[in-house]
Amino acid sequence: MQKLVDFTTWHRCLAHAGTDTLQNMIRNKLVDGMNTYGEMALGRMCEDCIFGKHTSHPYNSTIVKERDVLEHIHIDL
């Protein structure tokens, strides 16, 4: 017997797949061993999905512009 896994866990394990996609996979038995329990829906959108849909994140602090040469350096090592 295979272990039952929560619907939310499948959502996270499968790259935050949408509810409709996961329900279709379970209903049509498209994935072997994809056994779930409980409600086949997400209670709310997970935090990772919310941040992933943002086009940009707000800046909380004020930006200080450098006034002298070499005051602020970015290096990619």
PDB file of N, CA and C in Angstrom:
ATOM      1  N   MET A   1       0.851  -1.191   0.000  1.00  0.00           N
ATOM      2  CA  MET A   1       0.000   0.000   0.000  1.00  0.00           C
ATOM      3  C   MET A   1       0.886   1.240   0.000  1.00  0.00           C
ATOM      4  N   GLN A   2       0.515   2.177  -0.832  1.00  0.00           N
ATOM      5  CA  GLN A   2       1.272   3.423  -0.926  1.00  0.00           C
ATOM      6  C   GLN A   2       0.720   4.450   0.058  1.00  0.00           C
ATOM      7  N   LYS A   3       1.589   5.338   0.456  1.00  0.00           N
ATOM      8  CA  LYS A   3       1.241   6.346   1.451  1.00  0.00           C
ATOM      9  C   LYS A   3       0.349   7.423   0.838  1.00  0.00           C
ATOM     10  N   LEU A   4      -0.666   7.850   1.585  1.00  0.00           N
ATOM     11  CA  LEU A   4      -1.521   8.952   1.161  1.00  0.00           C
ATOM     12  C   LEU A   4      -0.838  10.267   1.487  1.00  0.00           C
ATOM     13  N   VAL A   5      -0.902  11.191   0.551  1.00  0.00           N
ATOM     14  CA  VAL A   5      -0.228  12.487   0.712  1.00  0.00           C
ATOM     15  C   VAL A   5      -1.260  13.597   0.554  1.00  0.00           C
ATOM     16  N   ASP A   6      -1.133  14.630   1.349  1.00  0.00           N
ATOM     17  CA  ASP A   6      -2.033  15.783   1.313  1.00  0.00           C
ATOM     18  C   ASP A   6      -1.964  16.474  -0.052  1.00  0.00           C
ATOM     19  N   PHE A   7      -3.079  17.023  -0.497  1.00  0.00           N
ATOM     20  CA  PHE A   7      -3.170  17.715  -1.786  1.00  0.00           C
ATOM     21  C   PHE A   7      -2.188  18.886  -1.861  1.00  0.00           C
ATOM     22  N   THR A   8      -2.030  19.609  -0.762  1.00  0.00           N
ATOM     23  CA  THR A   8      -1.114  20.752  -0.727  1.00  0.00           C
ATOM     24  C   THR A   8       0.334  20.306  -0.938  1.00  0.00           C
ATOM     25  N   THR A   9       0.687  19.147  -0.408  1.00  0.00           N
ATOM     26  CA  THR A   9       2.038  18.628  -0.590  1.00  0.00           C
ATOM     27  C   THR A   9       2.296  18.312  -2.064  1.00  0.00           C
ATOM     28  N   TRP A  10       1.314  17.719  -2.750  1.00  0.00           N
ATOM     29  CA  TRP A  10       1.459  17.466  -4.189  1.00  0.00           C
ATOM     30  C   TRP A  10       1.620  18.781  -4.942  1.00  0.00           C
ATOM     31  N   HIS A  11       0.880  19.792  -4.541  1.00  0.00           N
ATOM     32  CA  HIS A  11       0.974  21.109  -5.176  1.00  0.00           C
ATOM     33  C   HIS A  11       2.410  21.628  -5.095  1.00  0.00           C
ATOM     34  N   ARG A  12       3.022  21.530  -3.938  1.00  0.00           N
ATOM     35  CA  ARG A  12       4.396  22.018  -3.753  1.00  0.00           C
ATOM     36  C   ARG A  12       5.416  21.134  -4.456  1.00  0.00           C
ATOM     37  N   CYS A  13       5.229  19.822  -4.402  1.00  0.00           N
ATOM     38  CA  CYS A  13       6.192  18.892  -5.014  1.00  0.00           C
ATOM     39  C   CYS A  13       6.197  18.967  -6.535  1.00  0.00           C
ATOM     40  N   LEU A  14       5.082  19.345  -7.117  1.00  0.00           N
ATOM     41  CA  LEU A  14       4.977  19.401  -8.577  1.00  0.00           C
ATOM     42  C   LEU A  14       5.053  20.840  -9.073  1.00  0.00           C
ATOM     43  N   ALA A  15       5.996  21.590  -8.536  1.00  0.00           N
ATOM     44  CA  ALA A  15       6.319  22.957  -8.995  1.00  0.00           C
ATOM     45  C   ALA A  15       5.122  23.892  -8.921  1.00  0.00           C
ATOM     46  N   HIS A  16       4.333  23.763  -7.862  1.00  0.00           N
ATOM     47  CA  HIS A  16       3.187  24.640  -7.613  1.00  0.00           C
ATOM     48  C   HIS A  16       2.177  24.588  -8.760  1.00  0.00           C
ATOM     49  N   ALA A  17       1.899  23.378  -9.201  1.00  0.00           N
ATOM     50  CA  ALA A  17       0.905  23.172 -10.256  1.00  0.00           C
ATOM     51  C   ALA A  17      -0.460  23.642  -9.771  1.00  0.00           C
ATOM     52  N   GLY A  18      -1.283  24.086 -10.710  1.00  0.00           N
ATOM     53  CA  GLY A  18      -2.606  24.591 -10.383  1.00  0.00           C
ATOM     54  C   GLY A  18      -3.552  23.498  -9.921  1.00  0.00           C
ATOM     55  N   THR A  19      -4.609  23.908  -9.252  1.00  0.00           N
ATOM     56  CA  THR A  19      -5.593  22.971  -8.712  1.00  0.00           C
ATOM     57  C   THR A  19      -6.222  22.133  -9.816  1.00  0.00           C
ATOM     58  N   ASP A  20      -6.608  22.769 -10.913  1.00  0.00           N
ATOM     59  CA  ASP A  20      -7.239  22.025 -12.015  1.00  0.00           C
ATOM     60  C   ASP A  20      -6.305  20.969 -12.587  1.00  0.00           C
ATOM     61  N   THR A  21      -5.046  21.303 -12.728  1.00  0.00           N
ATOM     62  CA  THR A  21      -4.060  20.359 -13.259  1.00  0.00           C
ATOM     63  C   THR A  21      -3.895  19.174 -12.331  1.00  0.00           C
ATOM     64  N   LEU A  22      -3.764  19.427 -11.038  1.00  0.00           N
ATOM     65  CA  LEU A  22      -3.602  18.340 -10.074  1.00  0.00           C
ATOM     66  C   LEU A  22      -4.845  17.453 -10.007  1.00  0.00           C
ATOM     67  N   GLN A  23      -6.019  18.065 -10.006  1.00  0.00           N
ATOM     68  CA  GLN A  23      -7.261  17.288  -9.973  1.00  0.00           C
ATOM     69  C   GLN A  23      -7.374  16.401 -11.207  1.00  0.00           C
ATOM     70  N   ASN A  24      -6.987  16.921 -12.369  1.00  0.00           N
ATOM     71  CA  ASN A  24      -7.015  16.146 -13.610  1.00  0.00           C
ATOM     72  C   ASN A  24      -6.036  14.973 -13.526  1.00  0.00           C
ATOM     73  N   MET A  25      -4.854  15.205 -12.983  1.00  0.00           N
ATOM     74  CA  MET A  25      -3.856  14.144 -12.845  1.00  0.00           C
ATOM     75  C   MET A  25      -4.354  13.029 -11.931  1.00  0.00           C
ATOM     76  N   ILE A  26      -5.006  13.394 -10.834  1.00  0.00           N
ATOM     77  CA  ILE A  26      -5.509  12.404  -9.883  1.00  0.00           C
ATOM     78  C   ILE A  26      -6.717  11.669 -10.460  1.00  0.00           C
ATOM     79  N   ARG A  27      -7.656  12.437 -11.015  1.00  0.00           N
ATOM     80  CA  ARG A  27      -8.898  11.854 -11.534  1.00  0.00           C
ATOM     81  C   ARG A  27      -8.631  10.856 -12.660  1.00  0.00           C
ATOM     82  N   ASN A  28      -7.702  11.189 -13.555  1.00  0.00           N
ATOM     83  CA  ASN A  28      -7.424  10.336 -14.716  1.00  0.00           C
ATOM     84  C   ASN A  28      -6.265   9.369 -14.478  1.00  0.00           C
ATOM     85  N   LYS A  29      -5.770   9.336 -13.242  1.00  0.00           N
ATOM     86  CA  LYS A  29      -4.669   8.446 -12.853  1.00  0.00           C
ATOM     87  C   LYS A  29      -3.490   8.571 -13.818  1.00  0.00           C
ATOM     88  N   LEU A  30      -3.078   9.811 -14.057  1.00  0.00           N
ATOM     89  CA  LEU A  30      -1.978  10.085 -14.983  1.00  0.00           C
ATOM     90  C   LEU A  30      -0.608   9.861 -14.350  1.00  0.00           C
ATOM     91  N   VAL A  31      -0.561   9.811 -13.018  1.00  0.00           N
ATOM     92  CA  VAL A  31       0.698   9.606 -12.312  1.00  0.00           C
ATOM     93  C   VAL A  31       0.537   8.398 -11.394  1.00  0.00           C
ATOM     94  N   ASP A  32       1.415   7.408 -11.553  1.00  0.00           N
ATOM     95  CA  ASP A  32       1.373   6.236 -10.682  1.00  0.00           C
ATOM     96  C   ASP A  32       1.761   6.634  -9.264  1.00  0.00           C
ATOM     97  N   GLY A  33       0.987   6.207  -8.290  1.00  0.00           N
ATOM     98  CA  GLY A  33       1.308   6.460  -6.895  1.00  0.00           C
ATOM     99  C   GLY A  33       0.876   7.818  -6.385  1.00  0.00           C
ATOM    100  N   MET A  34       0.125   8.558  -7.182  1.00  0.00           N
ATOM    101  CA  MET A  34      -0.333   9.875  -6.735  1.00  0.00           C
ATOM    102  C   MET A  34      -1.624   9.701  -5.951  1.00  0.00           C
ATOM    103  N   ASN A  35      -1.465   9.309  -4.701  1.00  0.00           N
ATOM    104  CA  ASN A  35      -2.607   9.074  -3.813  1.00  0.00           C
ATOM    105  C   ASN A  35      -2.729  10.247  -2.859  1.00  0.00           C
ATOM    106  N   THR A  36      -3.922  10.755  -2.725  1.00  0.00           N
ATOM    107  CA  THR A  36      -4.145  11.917  -1.885  1.00  0.00           C
ATOM    108  C   THR A  36      -5.310  11.669  -0.934  1.00  0.00           C
ATOM    109  N   TYR A  37      -5.401  12.484   0.075  1.00  0.00           N
ATOM    110  CA  TYR A  37      -6.521  12.408   1.012  1.00  0.00           C
ATOM    111  C   TYR A  37      -7.041  13.808   1.268  1.00  0.00           C
ATOM    112  N   GLY A  38      -8.219  13.891   1.812  1.00  0.00           N
ATOM    113  CA  GLY A  38      -8.819  15.186   2.141  1.00  0.00           C
ATOM    114  C   GLY A  38      -9.389  15.877   0.911  1.00  0.00           C
ATOM    115  N   GLU A  39      -9.640  17.143   1.081  1.00  0.00           N
ATOM    116  CA  GLU A  39     -10.244  17.948   0.021  1.00  0.00           C
ATOM    117  C   GLU A  39      -9.247  18.152  -1.119  1.00  0.00           C
ATOM    118  N   MET A  40      -9.720  17.980  -2.355  1.00  0.00           N
ATOM    119  CA  MET A  40      -8.849  18.155  -3.519  1.00  0.00           C
ATOM    120  C   MET A  40      -8.896  19.604  -3.978  1.00  0.00           C
ATOM    121  N   ALA A  41      -8.511  20.497  -3.089  1.00  0.00           N
ATOM    122  CA  ALA A  41      -8.456  21.928  -3.396  1.00  0.00           C
ATOM    123  C   ALA A  41      -7.494  22.579  -2.420  1.00  0.00           C
ATOM    124  N   LEU A  42      -6.970  23.702  -2.844  1.00  0.00           N
ATOM    125  CA  LEU A  42      -6.103  24.477  -1.962  1.00  0.00           C
ATOM    126  C   LEU A  42      -6.975  25.434  -1.176  1.00  0.00           C
ATOM    127  N   GLY A  43      -6.767  25.507   0.122  1.00  0.00           N
ATOM    128  CA  GLY A  43      -7.572  26.396   0.958  1.00  0.00           C
ATOM    129  C   GLY A  43      -7.400  27.849   0.542  1.00  0.00           C
ATOM    130  N   ARG A  44      -6.188  28.219   0.230  1.00  0.00           N
ATOM    131  CA  ARG A  44      -5.871  29.562  -0.245  1.00  0.00           C
ATOM    132  C   ARG A  44      -4.595  29.441  -1.059  1.00  0.00           C
ATOM    133  N   MET A  45      -4.268  30.479  -1.783  1.00  0.00           N
ATOM    134  CA  MET A  45      -3.058  30.441  -2.587  1.00  0.00           C
ATOM    135  C   MET A  45      -1.839  30.464  -1.661  1.00  0.00           C
ATOM    136  N   CYS A  46      -0.868  29.603  -1.935  1.00  0.00           N
ATOM    137  CA  CYS A  46       0.312  29.554  -1.063  1.00  0.00           C
ATOM    138  C   CYS A  46       1.190  30.787  -1.296  1.00  0.00           C
ATOM    139  N   GLU A  47       2.004  31.088  -0.305  1.00  0.00           N
ATOM    140  CA  GLU A  47       2.833  32.298  -0.340  1.00  0.00           C
ATOM    141  C   GLU A  47       3.801  32.299  -1.523  1.00  0.00           C
ATOM    142  N   ASP A  48       4.371  31.124  -1.842  1.00  0.00           N
ATOM    143  CA  ASP A  48       5.295  31.045  -2.979  1.00  0.00           C
ATOM    144  C   ASP A  48       4.594  31.373  -4.292  1.00  0.00           C
ATOM    145  N   CYS A  49       3.361  30.930  -4.458  1.00  0.00           N
ATOM    146  CA  CYS A  49       2.603  31.241  -5.681  1.00  0.00           C
ATOM    147  C   CYS A  49       2.301  32.736  -5.762  1.00  0.00           C
ATOM    148  N   ILE A  50       1.978  33.338  -4.638  1.00  0.00           N
ATOM    149  CA  ILE A  50       1.679  34.771  -4.618  1.00  0.00           C
ATOM    150  C   ILE A  50       2.910  35.569  -5.024  1.00  0.00           C
ATOM    151  N   PHE A  51       4.069  35.282  -4.414  1.00  0.00           N
ATOM    152  CA  PHE A  51       5.293  36.007  -4.752  1.00  0.00           C
ATOM    153  C   PHE A  51       5.740  35.711  -6.176  1.00  0.00           C
ATOM    154  N   GLY A  52       5.489  34.504  -6.651  1.00  0.00           N
ATOM    155  CA  GLY A  52       5.872  34.145  -8.015  1.00  0.00           C
ATOM    156  C   GLY A  52       5.091  34.898  -9.070  1.00  0.00           C
ATOM    157  N   LYS A  53       3.892  35.347  -8.728  1.00  0.00           N
ATOM    158  CA  LYS A  53       3.063  36.081  -9.683  1.00  0.00           C
ATOM    159  C   LYS A  53       3.319  37.587  -9.664  1.00  0.00           C
ATOM    160  N   HIS A  54       4.093  38.070  -8.702  1.00  0.00           N
ATOM    161  CA  HIS A  54       4.427  39.500  -8.643  1.00  0.00           C
ATOM    162  C   HIS A  54       5.366  39.855  -9.787  1.00  0.00           C
ATOM    163  N   THR A  55       5.144  41.015 -10.377  1.00  0.00           N
ATOM    164  CA  THR A  55       6.072  41.472 -11.402  1.00  0.00           C
ATOM    165  C   THR A  55       7.283  42.132 -10.777  1.00  0.00           C
ATOM    166  N   SER A  56       7.129  42.729  -9.614  1.00  0.00           N
ATOM    167  CA  SER A  56       8.256  43.296  -8.874  1.00  0.00           C
ATOM    168  C   SER A  56       7.888  43.344  -7.402  1.00  0.00           C
ATOM    169  N   HIS A  57       8.899  43.406  -6.587  1.00  0.00           N
ATOM    170  CA  HIS A  57       8.674  43.480  -5.146  1.00  0.00           C
ATOM    171  C   HIS A  57       8.869  44.922  -4.690  1.00  0.00           C
ATOM    172  N   PRO A  58       8.061  45.389  -3.760  1.00  0.00           N
ATOM    173  CA  PRO A  58       8.187  46.774  -3.297  1.00  0.00           C
ATOM    174  C   PRO A  58       9.473  46.985  -2.501  1.00  0.00           C
ATOM    175  N   TYR A  59       9.989  48.169  -2.586  1.00  0.00           N
ATOM    176  CA  TYR A  59      11.162  48.541  -1.802  1.00  0.00           C
ATOM    177  C   TYR A  59      10.679  49.201  -0.523  1.00  0.00           C
ATOM    178  N   ASN A  60      11.167  48.717   0.593  1.00  0.00           N
ATOM    179  CA  ASN A  60      10.714  49.233   1.884  1.00  0.00           C
ATOM    180  C   ASN A  60      11.581  50.364   2.414  1.00  0.00           C
ATOM    181  N   SER A  61      12.780  50.506   1.898  1.00  0.00           N
ATOM    182  CA  SER A  61      13.663  51.543   2.407  1.00  0.00           C
ATOM    183  C   SER A  61      13.953  52.572   1.309  1.00  0.00           C
ATOM    184  N   THR A  62      14.431  53.721   1.744  1.00  0.00           N
ATOM    185  CA  THR A  62      14.786  54.749   0.773  1.00  0.00           C
ATOM    186  C   THR A  62      16.127  54.408   0.144  1.00  0.00           C
ATOM    187  N   ILE A  63      16.299  54.813  -1.087  1.00  0.00           N
ATOM    188  CA  ILE A  63      17.524  54.536  -1.819  1.00  0.00           C
ATOM    189  C   ILE A  63      18.483  55.706  -1.629  1.00  0.00           C
ATOM    190  N   VAL A  64      19.684  55.381  -1.190  1.00  0.00           N
ATOM    191  CA  VAL A  64      20.714  56.396  -1.005  1.00  0.00           C
ATOM    192  C   VAL A  64      21.623  56.359  -2.226  1.00  0.00           C
ATOM    193  N   LYS A  65      21.712  57.472  -2.939  1.00  0.00           N
ATOM    194  CA  LYS A  65      22.561  57.530  -4.124  1.00  0.00           C
ATOM    195  C   LYS A  65      23.993  57.837  -3.725  1.00  0.00           C
ATOM    196  N   GLU A  66      24.908  57.138  -4.369  1.00  0.00           N
ATOM    197  CA  GLU A  66      26.320  57.370  -4.109  1.00  0.00           C
ATOM    198  C   GLU A  66      26.745  58.687  -4.747  1.00  0.00           C
ATOM    199  N   ARG A  67      27.629  59.393  -4.077  1.00  0.00           N
ATOM    200  CA  ARG A  67      28.087  60.690  -4.581  1.00  0.00           C
ATOM    201  C   ARG A  67      29.567  60.664  -4.985  1.00  0.00           C
ATOM    202  N   ASP A  68      30.336  59.724  -4.436  1.00  0.00           N
ATOM    203  CA  ASP A  68      31.755  59.655  -4.743  1.00  0.00           C
ATOM    204  C   ASP A  68      32.049  58.459  -5.647  1.00  0.00           C
ATOM    205  N   VAL A  69      33.127  58.556  -6.397  1.00  0.00           N
ATOM    206  CA  VAL A  69      33.562  57.481  -7.262  1.00  0.00           C
ATOM    207  C   VAL A  69      33.981  56.291  -6.392  1.00  0.00           C
ATOM    208  N   LEU A  70      33.594  55.085  -6.773  1.00  0.00           N
ATOM    209  CA  LEU A  70      33.897  53.832  -6.076  1.00  0.00           C
ATOM    210  C   LEU A  70      33.296  53.731  -4.680  1.00  0.00           C
ATOM    211  N   GLU A  71      32.272  54.512  -4.411  1.00  0.00           N
ATOM    212  CA  GLU A  71      31.621  54.458  -3.099  1.00  0.00           C
ATOM    213  C   GLU A  71      30.861  53.143  -2.915  1.00  0.00           C
ATOM    214  N   HIS A  72      30.308  52.640  -3.989  1.00  0.00           N
ATOM    215  CA  HIS A  72      29.534  51.407  -3.940  1.00  0.00           C
ATOM    216  C   HIS A  72      29.933  50.561  -5.144  1.00  0.00           C
ATOM    217  N   ILE A  73      30.439  49.360  -4.896  1.00  0.00           N
ATOM    218  CA  ILE A  73      30.928  48.506  -5.975  1.00  0.00           C
ATOM    219  C   ILE A  73      30.199  47.162  -5.907  1.00  0.00           C
ATOM    220  N   HIS A  74      29.763  46.661  -7.056  1.00  0.00           N
ATOM    221  CA  HIS A  74      29.176  45.327  -7.169  1.00  0.00           C
ATOM    222  C   HIS A  74      30.160  44.440  -7.908  1.00  0.00           C
ATOM    223  N   ILE A  75      30.464  43.274  -7.335  1.00  0.00           N
ATOM    224  CA  ILE A  75      31.407  42.349  -7.951  1.00  0.00           C
ATOM    225  C   ILE A  75      30.752  40.988  -8.041  1.00  0.00           C
ATOM    226  N   ASP A  76      30.839  40.360  -9.199  1.00  0.00           N
ATOM    227  CA  ASP A  76      30.330  39.008  -9.395  1.00  0.00           C
ATOM    228  C   ASP A  76      31.532  38.062  -9.396  1.00  0.00           C
ATOM    229  N   LEU A  77      31.665  37.267  -8.354  1.00  0.00           N
ATOM    230  CA  LEU A  77      32.828  36.367  -8.269  1.00  0.00           C
ATOM    231  C   LEU A  77      32.527  35.023  -8.858  1.00  0.00           C
TER     232      LEU A  77
END
